[in-house]
Amino acid sequence: MKWTIQFKLVVLFSVIVFIGFSALLILSNKVAQDNMYREVHEDMVQAKKNLDIALNQYFLIQNKRISRESLETLNHELAEQIGSAAGGNITVYRPNASPYGSTESGNNVVNQSNFPDLKEAMQSNIAYTTAADKGQITASLSFPLQIDQQLIGIVQMQKDYSALYKRNVRFQNTIMLFAAVIFVFVFIASIFISRKITHPIRVLTKRSAEVAQGSLNADIQISTKDEIGELAISFTVMIDRIREQIDVIERERDEVEQVQARSKVFFDNVTHELKTPLTTILGYAQILRDNGFTDEKFFDKGINYIIKESQRLNMMVADILEVSVSSASIPAYRFERVHVSEIIREACEDMSIKAGKYNMGIHYELEEHLYLRGDRNKLKEVFLNILDNSVKYSAVNSIIEVQSFRVDNLIKIVIRDQGEGIDAEALQHVFEPFYQDKGTKRAEKGSAGLGLSIVKNTVERHGGTVEMQSNTHEGTKVNICLPGEIDT
């Protein structure tokens, strides 16, 4: 059987309150009884004094002395007179415990076991006893009458204290009712208080179960400023940390999957790109081996193809090595203070010869004194690659514009062409190794699609960014942003 914390708290509170009130009731009952018997005792003492006074006054008024004869003749009147003064029922007994006014036979002797006080009075002692029966309580006071130390009679007074007893009972009932009401109130209050105390625990238990089921979106609304509140805060922080770690793991998993996918594409493309020239070289080599020099014209053609494909293969291997080096964790860069505009100017002049083959012009507007720390050769290769792509895919008789300028502490290079443009889908992949847009109308033989991948790696190794903007039939713009020297 599962006992909840709330149930334990309610039982604990109830038991504590029950024990407390039980002890209170027992104590109050004892105190009430002690008070009642103390009042009876005090009243008996006062009654004895009143009886002594009334007894002396009675015989003084009667002008008689106390003796057996006077007690025998005046016992009824004496009992009425002093009884009214003391407020009780008076009985006068002979020394043998038989009432005066009756015969002295043994049948009239009172049973002393019923009146212990009478027995004490027969021994010349003053005593009283109390007796309770069926909600009634009476007190019996007995004291001796002596002359010359001789016992001549006994006066017994019986007084009803039922009113006092009932008052004490009413007080006890009131205390019990009051205790019962308080106990019920405390019991109900303990239920509400324990529910309020254990509510955060129930919330935490529920949320813990949800987390155990894999739900990390548990919302814990606990605002108590105590240990439970601190536990709730710690639990929330723990969930946030777990969620963050899971997000990190998922991102790393996605990155690994993307790297694996890119690696597969990379090796597939490398295999495909290397297979083509090797197939050509192998085919011509086998034919030349079989035919020898019998066909000089075909021999020259085969040799030329082998040389060209070998050169193409060499270029692709060099590009692959360049991608590998640029992506390596250990940089093979020689950083120094370089003038960016000067590097761009050299690249533009170098590419102007190739652009002239297609009647293209390269116009550049370069801001002077643009310095940064970088590898001069690597940066020049970046600009050559971009300008080479602009020449390849721009329209004949078009203009390629190049600009460099400073924005705050950044150096920006913008290269625009008037080519075919790139569609949105291809634009997302242009910086991937071996990617070639199948929709382009002109692509130079020997291109393996590694140039822009090298550009991206090199720019990022210099702490910069590169992005490409293009629309079909509207040309392409490449934006390069590099960290420049801070002005002093």
Protein backbone atom coordinates (compact mmCIF):
# COMPACT_ATOMS: atom_id res chain seq x y z
CA MET A 1 0.00 0.00 0.00
CA LYS A 2 1.38 3.37 -1.04
CA TRP A 3 1.12 6.07 1.61
CA THR A 4 1.44 9.55 0.20
CA ILE A 5 3.27 12.34 1.99
CA GLN A 6 -0.02 14.20 2.35
CA PHE A 7 -1.63 11.19 4.05
CA LYS A 8 1.36 10.86 6.39
CA LEU A 9 1.23 14.55 7.27
CA VAL A 10 -2.52 14.42 7.97
CA VAL A 11 -2.13 11.31 10.13
CA LEU A 12 0.83 12.83 11.94
CA PHE A 13 -1.00 16.10 12.65
CA SER A 14 -4.12 14.21 13.71
CA VAL A 15 -2.24 11.90 16.07
CA ILE A 16 -0.33 14.78 17.63
CA VAL A 17 -3.49 16.85 18.10
CA PHE A 18 -5.42 13.83 19.38
CA ILE A 19 -2.73 13.01 21.93
CA GLY A 20 -2.52 16.66 22.94
CA PHE A 21 -6.24 17.06 23.40
CA SER A 22 -6.53 13.71 25.19
CA ALA A 23 -3.87 14.81 27.64
CA LEU A 24 -5.64 18.17 27.97
CA LEU A 25 -8.98 16.49 28.67
CA ILE A 26 -7.49 14.14 31.23
CA LEU A 27 -5.72 17.02 32.93
CA SER A 28 -8.77 19.26 32.84
CA ASN A 29 -10.95 16.46 34.24
CA LYS A 30 -8.51 15.89 37.08
CA VAL A 31 -8.27 19.60 37.81
CA ALA A 32 -12.05 19.94 37.72
CA GLN A 33 -12.51 17.02 40.10
CA ASP A 34 -9.83 18.36 42.42
CA ASN A 35 -11.55 21.74 42.41
CA MET A 36 -14.92 20.12 43.11
CA TYR A 37 -13.61 18.09 46.05
CA ARG A 38 -11.71 21.09 47.33
CA GLU A 39 -14.95 23.07 47.34
CA VAL A 40 -16.66 20.18 49.15
CA HIS A 41 -13.83 20.09 51.69
CA GLU A 42 -13.97 23.83 52.29
CA ASP A 43 -17.75 23.64 52.59
CA MET A 44 -17.47 20.77 55.10
CA VAL A 45 -15.02 22.77 57.21
CA GLN A 46 -17.33 25.76 57.16
CA ALA A 47 -20.33 23.53 57.86
CA LYS A 48 -18.57 22.11 60.94
CA LYS A 49 -18.03 25.62 62.24
CA ASN A 50 -21.63 26.55 61.58
CA LEU A 51 -22.87 23.39 63.27
CA ASP A 52 -20.79 24.11 66.38
CA ILE A 53 -22.20 27.60 66.57
CA ALA A 54 -25.77 26.50 65.90
CA LEU A 55 -25.50 23.66 68.43
CA ASN A 56 -24.29 25.92 71.22
CA GLN A 57 -26.88 28.56 70.39
CA TYR A 58 -29.64 26.00 70.40
CA PHE A 59 -28.85 24.68 73.90
CA LEU A 60 -28.23 28.19 75.14
CA ILE A 61 -31.66 29.26 73.92
CA GLN A 62 -33.22 26.14 75.42
CA ASN A 63 -31.33 26.87 78.63
CA LYS A 64 -30.22 23.29 78.81
CA ARG A 65 -27.00 21.48 78.95
CA ILE A 66 -25.94 18.96 76.38
CA SER A 67 -26.56 15.52 77.77
CA ARG A 68 -27.89 12.19 76.68
CA GLU A 69 -31.29 13.02 78.13
CA SER A 70 -31.59 16.35 76.33
CA LEU A 71 -30.41 14.75 73.09
CA GLU A 72 -32.93 11.97 73.55
CA THR A 73 -35.82 14.38 74.00
CA LEU A 74 -34.77 17.22 71.69
CA ASN A 75 -33.08 15.29 68.83
CA HIS A 76 -35.75 16.04 66.20
CA GLU A 77 -36.00 19.74 66.98
CA LEU A 78 -32.22 19.95 67.31
CA ALA A 79 -31.75 18.31 63.92
CA GLU A 80 -34.13 20.75 62.24
CA GLN A 81 -32.62 23.84 63.87
CA ILE A 82 -28.97 23.17 63.24
CA GLY A 83 -29.71 21.54 59.85
CA SER A 84 -31.32 24.72 58.60
CA ALA A 85 -28.29 26.68 59.79
CA ALA A 86 -25.81 24.34 58.07
CA GLY A 87 -27.90 23.67 54.96
CA GLY A 88 -28.02 19.91 55.29
CA ASN A 89 -29.92 16.97 56.75
CA ILE A 90 -28.94 16.35 60.38
CA THR A 91 -29.15 13.07 62.24
CA VAL A 92 -28.14 12.71 65.89
CA TYR A 93 -26.82 9.29 66.90
CA ARG A 94 -26.09 7.58 70.17
CA PRO A 95 -22.52 6.47 70.79
CA ASN A 96 -23.44 3.04 69.44
CA ALA A 97 -24.55 4.57 66.09
CA SER A 98 -28.27 4.15 66.72
CA PRO A 99 -30.36 7.28 66.11
CA TYR A 100 -31.65 9.16 69.12
CA GLY A 101 -35.41 8.81 69.38
CA SER A 102 -35.33 5.15 68.44
CA THR A 103 -34.88 2.09 70.55
CA GLU A 104 -31.34 1.03 71.32
CA SER A 105 -31.82 -2.39 69.86
CA GLY A 106 -29.26 -3.69 67.42
CA ASN A 107 -31.74 -3.45 64.57
CA ASN A 108 -31.58 0.35 64.70
CA VAL A 109 -27.79 0.56 64.65
CA VAL A 110 -26.62 2.08 61.37
CA ASN A 111 -24.25 0.00 59.24
CA GLN A 112 -20.95 1.76 59.73
CA SER A 113 -19.53 0.41 56.49
CA ASN A 114 -21.95 2.66 54.63
CA PHE A 115 -20.79 5.68 56.62
CA PRO A 116 -17.04 5.58 57.29
CA ASP A 117 -17.31 9.08 58.75
CA LEU A 118 -19.72 7.78 61.40
CA LYS A 119 -17.25 5.10 62.35
CA GLU A 120 -14.55 7.74 62.76
CA ALA A 121 -16.86 9.87 64.88
CA MET A 122 -17.51 6.88 67.18
CA GLN A 123 -13.77 7.00 67.85
CA SER A 124 -14.04 10.67 68.79
CA ASN A 125 -12.75 11.90 65.41
CA ILE A 126 -14.21 14.41 62.99
CA ALA A 127 -14.57 13.03 59.47
CA TYR A 128 -16.53 13.37 56.28
CA THR A 129 -16.99 11.18 53.23
CA THR A 130 -18.33 11.77 49.71
CA ALA A 131 -20.32 9.32 47.64
CA ALA A 132 -21.34 9.51 43.96
CA ASP A 133 -24.17 7.44 42.58
CA LYS A 134 -26.00 7.85 39.23
CA GLY A 135 -25.05 11.45 38.71
CA GLN A 136 -25.71 12.35 42.34
CA ILE A 137 -22.97 13.24 44.84
CA THR A 138 -23.48 13.64 48.54
CA ALA A 139 -21.16 14.44 51.45
CA SER A 140 -21.57 13.09 54.96
CA LEU A 141 -19.97 14.92 57.90
CA SER A 142 -19.84 13.30 61.35
CA PHE A 143 -18.37 14.65 64.56
CA PRO A 144 -18.65 13.51 68.23
CA LEU A 145 -20.48 15.24 71.12
CA GLN A 146 -18.48 14.85 74.30
CA ILE A 147 -18.88 15.86 77.96
CA ASP A 148 -15.88 15.45 80.17
CA GLN A 149 -14.24 13.50 77.40
CA GLN A 150 -17.13 11.07 77.43
CA LEU A 151 -18.88 10.40 74.10
CA ILE A 152 -22.60 11.10 74.48
CA GLY A 153 -23.61 11.37 70.84
CA ILE A 154 -22.72 11.85 67.22
CA VAL A 155 -24.00 14.53 64.85
CA GLN A 156 -24.09 13.56 61.21
CA MET A 157 -24.88 16.00 58.44
CA GLN A 158 -25.60 14.86 54.88
CA LYS A 159 -25.48 17.47 52.15
CA ASP A 160 -26.31 17.14 48.46
CA TYR A 161 -23.64 18.44 46.05
CA SER A 162 -25.35 17.23 42.87
CA ALA A 163 -25.53 20.78 41.51
CA LEU A 164 -21.79 21.15 41.93
CA TYR A 165 -21.25 17.76 40.32
CA LYS A 166 -23.51 18.58 37.37
CA ARG A 167 -21.75 21.89 36.92
CA ASN A 168 -18.46 20.03 36.79
CA VAL A 169 -19.93 17.56 34.27
CA ARG A 170 -21.18 20.43 32.09
CA PHE A 171 -17.73 21.98 32.21
CA GLN A 172 -16.15 18.68 31.15
CA ASN A 173 -18.65 18.27 28.33
CA THR A 174 -17.97 21.81 27.17
CA ILE A 175 -14.24 21.14 27.19
CA MET A 176 -14.76 17.89 25.27
CA LEU A 177 -17.01 19.58 22.71
CA PHE A 178 -14.55 22.40 22.34
CA ALA A 179 -11.71 19.88 21.92
CA ALA A 180 -13.72 17.91 19.36
CA VAL A 181 -14.46 21.06 17.35
CA ILE A 182 -10.83 22.12 17.44
CA PHE A 183 -9.74 18.61 16.48
CA VAL A 184 -12.09 18.60 13.47
CA PHE A 185 -10.89 22.08 12.52
CA VAL A 186 -7.25 21.05 12.85
CA PHE A 187 -7.93 17.86 10.88
CA ILE A 188 -9.54 19.79 8.02
CA ALA A 189 -6.86 22.47 8.18
CA SER A 190 -4.15 19.80 8.12
CA ILE A 191 -5.68 18.38 4.94
CA PHE A 192 -5.57 21.77 3.21
CA ILE A 193 -2.14 22.66 4.60
CA SER A 194 -0.65 19.28 3.70
CA ARG A 195 -2.20 19.54 0.24
CA LYS A 196 -0.61 22.96 -0.22
CA ILE A 197 2.72 21.73 1.12
CA THR A 198 2.75 18.61 -1.03
CA HIS A 199 1.38 20.28 -4.18
CA PRO A 200 4.87 21.27 -5.39
CA ILE A 201 6.07 17.75 -4.68
CA ARG A 202 3.21 16.31 -6.71
CA VAL A 203 4.02 18.72 -9.54
CA LEU A 204 7.69 17.73 -9.43
CA THR A 205 6.74 14.05 -9.37
CA LYS A 206 4.48 14.48 -12.39
CA ARG A 207 7.07 16.49 -14.30
CA SER A 208 9.77 13.95 -13.40
CA ALA A 209 7.59 11.20 -14.85
CA GLU A 210 7.13 13.27 -18.02
CA VAL A 211 10.88 13.79 -18.28
CA ALA A 212 11.40 10.06 -17.75
CA GLN A 213 9.04 9.50 -20.69
CA GLY A 214 11.19 11.79 -22.82
CA SER A 215 9.19 15.02 -22.63
CA LEU A 216 11.50 17.94 -21.89
CA ASN A 217 8.83 20.62 -22.29
CA ALA A 218 7.69 20.29 -18.68
CA ASP A 219 6.57 23.65 -17.30
CA ILE A 220 7.07 23.84 -13.53
CA GLN A 221 5.04 26.62 -11.94
CA ILE A 222 6.29 26.61 -8.34
CA SER A 223 6.86 29.93 -6.60
CA THR A 224 7.43 28.84 -3.00
CA LYS A 225 10.49 30.40 -1.41
CA ASP A 226 11.67 27.35 0.50
CA GLU A 227 13.62 24.16 -0.06
CA ILE A 228 10.93 22.81 -2.39
CA GLY A 229 11.09 26.02 -4.43
CA GLU A 230 14.87 25.67 -4.66
CA LEU A 231 14.41 22.06 -5.71
CA ALA A 232 11.97 23.16 -8.42
CA ILE A 233 14.47 25.76 -9.68
CA SER A 234 17.25 23.17 -9.72
CA PHE A 235 14.96 20.73 -11.53
CA THR A 236 14.09 23.39 -14.13
CA VAL A 237 17.78 24.21 -14.61
CA MET A 238 18.52 20.50 -14.98
CA ILE A 239 15.82 20.14 -17.66
CA ASP A 240 17.18 23.20 -19.49
CA ARG A 241 20.70 21.76 -19.36
CA ILE A 242 19.46 18.40 -20.63
CA ARG A 243 17.52 20.15 -23.40
CA GLU A 244 20.60 22.17 -24.34
CA GLN A 245 22.77 19.06 -24.38
CA ILE A 246 20.23 17.23 -26.52
CA ASP A 247 20.12 20.21 -28.90
CA VAL A 248 23.91 20.16 -29.07
CA ILE A 249 23.91 16.42 -29.70
CA GLU A 250 21.25 16.79 -32.39
CA ARG A 251 23.15 19.62 -34.05
CA GLU A 252 26.37 17.64 -33.93
CA ARG A 253 24.52 14.61 -35.30
CA ASP A 254 23.12 16.70 -38.15
CA GLU A 255 26.56 18.16 -38.79
CA VAL A 256 28.08 14.69 -38.83
CA GLU A 257 25.40 13.53 -41.25
CA GLN A 258 26.04 16.56 -43.44
CA VAL A 259 29.79 15.98 -43.32
CA GLN A 260 29.27 12.33 -44.20
CA ALA A 261 26.98 13.31 -47.05
CA ARG A 262 29.45 15.91 -48.32
CA SER A 263 32.29 13.44 -47.97
CA LYS A 264 30.39 10.90 -50.04
CA VAL A 265 29.63 13.48 -52.69
CA PHE A 266 33.23 14.66 -52.55
CA PHE A 267 34.69 11.20 -53.13
CA ASP A 268 32.07 10.37 -55.73
CA ASN A 269 32.97 13.52 -57.62
CA VAL A 270 36.71 12.91 -57.20
CA THR A 271 36.28 9.37 -58.52
CA HIS A 272 34.23 10.59 -61.45
CA GLU A 273 36.52 13.50 -62.26
CA LEU A 274 39.67 11.38 -62.09
CA LYS A 275 38.17 8.47 -64.00
CA THR A 276 37.43 10.51 -67.12
CA PRO A 277 40.98 11.68 -67.93
CA LEU A 278 42.45 8.36 -66.84
CA THR A 279 40.09 6.52 -69.18
CA THR A 280 41.12 8.78 -72.07
CA ILE A 281 44.81 8.39 -71.29
CA LEU A 282 44.50 4.61 -70.96
CA GLY A 283 42.53 4.30 -74.20
CA TYR A 284 44.97 6.30 -76.30
CA ALA A 285 47.95 4.61 -74.65
CA GLN A 286 46.62 1.14 -75.52
CA ILE A 287 45.90 2.16 -79.14
CA LEU A 288 49.35 3.69 -79.52
CA ARG A 289 50.93 0.55 -78.09
CA ASP A 290 49.02 -1.63 -80.53
CA ASN A 291 49.49 0.56 -83.62
CA GLY A 292 52.92 1.91 -82.85
CA PHE A 293 54.11 4.63 -85.31
CA THR A 294 52.25 3.32 -88.40
CA ASP A 295 49.80 6.23 -88.31
CA GLU A 296 51.81 9.35 -87.59
CA LYS A 297 48.77 11.65 -87.66
CA PHE A 298 46.84 9.50 -85.16
CA PHE A 299 50.01 9.13 -83.12
CA ASP A 300 50.38 12.91 -82.79
CA LYS A 301 46.68 13.24 -81.96
CA GLY A 302 46.92 10.55 -79.26
CA ILE A 303 50.02 12.09 -77.73
CA ASN A 304 48.34 15.49 -77.63
CA TYR A 305 45.26 14.01 -75.94
CA ILE A 306 47.42 12.22 -73.41
CA ILE A 307 49.33 15.43 -72.68
CA LYS A 308 46.16 17.50 -72.35
CA GLU A 309 44.36 14.96 -70.16
CA SER A 310 47.50 14.57 -68.06
CA GLN A 311 47.62 18.33 -67.60
CA ARG A 312 43.94 18.33 -66.74
CA LEU A 313 44.49 15.49 -64.28
CA ASN A 314 47.42 17.36 -62.77
CA MET A 315 45.25 20.49 -62.31
CA MET A 316 42.51 18.49 -60.61
CA VAL A 317 44.97 16.82 -58.26
CA ALA A 318 46.45 20.22 -57.44
CA ASP A 319 42.94 21.58 -56.74
CA ILE A 320 42.13 18.61 -54.53
CA LEU A 321 45.35 19.13 -52.59
CA GLU A 322 44.49 22.81 -52.27
CA VAL A 323 41.06 21.98 -50.82
CA SER A 324 42.65 19.51 -48.43
CA VAL A 325 45.23 22.05 -47.26
CA SER A 326 42.69 24.87 -46.94
CA SER A 327 40.37 22.63 -44.89
CA ALA A 328 43.13 21.24 -42.68
CA SER A 329 43.16 22.00 -38.96
CA ILE A 330 46.80 23.15 -39.16
CA PRO A 331 46.94 26.24 -41.37
CA ALA A 332 49.62 26.46 -44.06
CA TYR A 333 49.37 30.23 -44.22
CA ARG A 334 51.99 32.94 -43.94
CA PHE A 335 50.27 35.91 -42.39
CA GLU A 336 51.80 39.33 -42.86
CA ARG A 337 50.70 42.92 -43.35
CA VAL A 338 49.38 43.15 -46.91
CA HIS A 339 47.77 45.83 -49.07
CA VAL A 340 44.46 44.41 -50.28
CA SER A 341 43.84 46.90 -53.08
CA GLU A 342 47.27 46.18 -54.54
CA ILE A 343 46.55 42.43 -54.56
CA ILE A 344 43.18 43.01 -56.23
CA ARG A 345 44.78 45.27 -58.85
CA GLU A 346 47.33 42.59 -59.72
CA ALA A 347 44.60 39.95 -60.00
CA CYS A 348 42.51 42.20 -62.26
CA GLU A 349 45.50 42.89 -64.54
CA ASP A 350 46.36 39.18 -64.71
CA MET A 351 42.80 38.21 -65.67
CA SER A 352 42.40 41.06 -68.17
CA ILE A 353 44.29 39.01 -70.77
CA LYS A 354 41.87 36.10 -70.47
CA ALA A 355 38.90 38.49 -70.41
CA GLY A 356 40.18 40.07 -73.60
CA LYS A 357 39.70 36.77 -75.43
CA TYR A 358 35.95 37.27 -74.98
CA ASN A 359 36.08 41.03 -75.53
CA MET A 360 35.37 41.65 -71.83
CA GLY A 361 36.66 44.47 -69.69
CA ILE A 362 37.57 44.50 -66.01
CA HIS A 363 36.97 47.88 -64.37
CA TYR A 364 38.11 48.38 -60.80
CA GLU A 365 37.67 51.15 -58.23
CA LEU A 366 39.97 50.45 -55.31
CA GLU A 367 40.32 52.47 -52.14
CA GLU A 368 43.92 52.93 -51.09
CA HIS A 369 45.52 52.11 -47.74
CA LEU A 370 43.42 49.02 -47.09
CA TYR A 371 45.70 46.89 -44.95
CA LEU A 372 45.14 43.61 -43.15
CA ARG A 373 47.09 40.63 -41.88
CA GLY A 374 46.87 37.78 -44.36
CA ASP A 375 48.59 35.47 -46.80
CA ARG A 376 49.26 37.48 -49.99
CA ASN A 377 49.34 34.50 -52.33
CA LYS A 378 46.22 32.90 -50.88
CA LEU A 379 44.27 36.14 -51.12
CA LYS A 380 45.40 36.69 -54.71
CA GLU A 381 44.24 33.16 -55.52
CA VAL A 382 40.83 34.04 -54.05
CA PHE A 383 40.43 37.06 -56.33
CA LEU A 384 41.75 35.15 -59.34
CA ASN A 385 39.26 32.34 -58.78
CA ILE A 386 36.32 34.72 -58.54
CA LEU A 387 37.42 36.77 -61.55
CA ASP A 388 38.02 33.55 -63.49
CA ASN A 389 34.43 32.43 -62.79
CA SER A 390 33.16 35.87 -63.85
CA VAL A 391 35.03 35.59 -67.14
CA LYS A 392 33.81 32.01 -67.71
CA TYR A 393 30.13 32.73 -67.15
CA SER A 394 29.77 36.38 -68.23
CA ALA A 395 28.31 37.48 -71.54
CA VAL A 396 30.64 38.40 -74.37
CA ASN A 397 31.35 42.14 -74.66
CA SER A 398 30.37 42.65 -70.98
CA ILE A 399 32.03 44.49 -68.11
CA ILE A 400 33.25 43.01 -64.80
CA GLU A 401 33.26 45.58 -61.99
CA VAL A 402 35.51 45.32 -58.94
CA GLN A 403 35.34 47.58 -55.88
CA SER A 404 37.14 47.68 -52.54
CA PHE A 405 36.38 50.02 -49.65
CA ARG A 406 36.42 50.26 -45.87
CA VAL A 407 33.33 50.07 -43.62
CA ASP A 408 34.34 50.76 -40.03
CA ASN A 409 37.09 48.20 -39.32
CA LEU A 410 36.07 45.89 -42.16
CA ILE A 411 37.37 45.76 -45.72
CA LYS A 412 34.71 44.92 -48.30
CA ILE A 413 35.37 43.68 -51.83
CA VAL A 414 32.52 43.54 -54.33
CA ILE A 415 32.86 41.80 -57.73
CA ARG A 416 29.96 42.11 -60.22
CA ASP A 417 29.56 40.51 -63.62
CA GLN A 418 26.92 40.58 -66.34
CA GLY A 419 26.65 36.87 -66.90
CA GLU A 420 23.86 34.35 -67.09
CA GLY A 421 23.27 34.41 -63.34
CA ILE A 422 22.61 31.46 -61.06
CA ASP A 423 19.22 30.13 -60.00
CA ALA A 424 18.26 30.01 -56.31
CA GLU A 425 18.72 26.26 -55.93
CA ALA A 426 22.22 26.23 -57.42
CA LEU A 427 23.17 29.31 -55.39
CA GLN A 428 22.88 27.23 -52.20
CA HIS A 429 25.58 24.80 -53.35
CA VAL A 430 28.10 26.91 -55.28
CA PHE A 431 30.66 26.82 -52.43
CA GLU A 432 30.55 23.01 -52.14
CA PRO A 433 33.51 21.03 -53.53
CA PHE A 434 33.07 19.70 -57.11
CA TYR A 435 29.72 21.39 -57.51
CA GLN A 436 29.00 22.49 -61.09
CA ASP A 437 25.80 24.09 -62.27
CA LYS A 438 24.46 21.88 -65.05
CA GLY A 439 22.43 24.74 -66.44
CA THR A 440 25.39 26.89 -67.45
CA LYS A 441 25.84 27.32 -71.16
CA ARG A 442 29.61 27.54 -71.12
CA ALA A 443 32.15 25.85 -68.90
CA GLU A 444 35.80 25.61 -69.66
CA LYS A 445 37.26 22.22 -70.05
CA GLY A 446 39.29 21.12 -67.05
CA SER A 447 37.16 22.78 -64.39
CA ALA A 448 36.51 20.43 -61.43
CA GLY A 449 34.27 22.75 -59.41
CA LEU A 450 36.75 23.33 -56.60
CA GLY A 451 37.52 27.02 -57.08
CA LEU A 452 34.72 28.52 -54.98
CA SER A 453 35.22 25.91 -52.25
CA ILE A 454 38.86 27.04 -52.02
CA VAL A 455 37.71 30.67 -51.97
CA LYS A 456 35.34 30.05 -49.06
CA ASN A 457 37.93 28.15 -47.00
CA THR A 458 40.61 30.77 -47.59
CA VAL A 459 38.36 33.73 -46.71
CA GLU A 460 37.13 32.03 -43.56
CA ARG A 461 40.72 31.24 -42.53
CA HIS A 462 41.36 34.98 -42.75
CA GLY A 463 38.43 35.60 -40.37
CA GLY A 464 36.16 36.88 -43.13
CA THR A 465 32.97 35.94 -44.92
CA VAL A 466 32.01 35.46 -48.54
CA GLU A 467 28.53 35.41 -50.04
CA MET A 468 27.12 35.31 -53.52
CA GLN A 469 24.02 37.07 -54.80
CA SER A 470 22.59 36.23 -58.19
CA ASN A 471 19.45 36.10 -60.29
CA THR A 472 19.02 34.34 -63.60
CA HIS A 473 19.90 36.62 -66.56
CA GLU A 474 20.82 39.45 -64.20
CA GLY A 475 24.44 38.62 -63.43
CA THR A 476 26.20 37.69 -60.20
CA LYS A 477 27.66 39.71 -57.33
CA VAL A 478 30.22 38.32 -54.90
CA ASN A 479 30.67 40.09 -51.55
CA ILE A 480 33.83 39.48 -49.55
CA CYS A 481 34.26 40.93 -46.07
CA LEU A 482 37.66 40.80 -44.34
CA PRO A 483 38.81 42.22 -41.00
CA GLY A 484 41.10 45.19 -41.64
CA GLU A 485 43.63 46.93 -39.48
CA ILE A 486 42.09 49.02 -36.70
CA ASP A 487 42.55 52.74 -37.28
CA THR A 488 44.53 54.50 -34.61
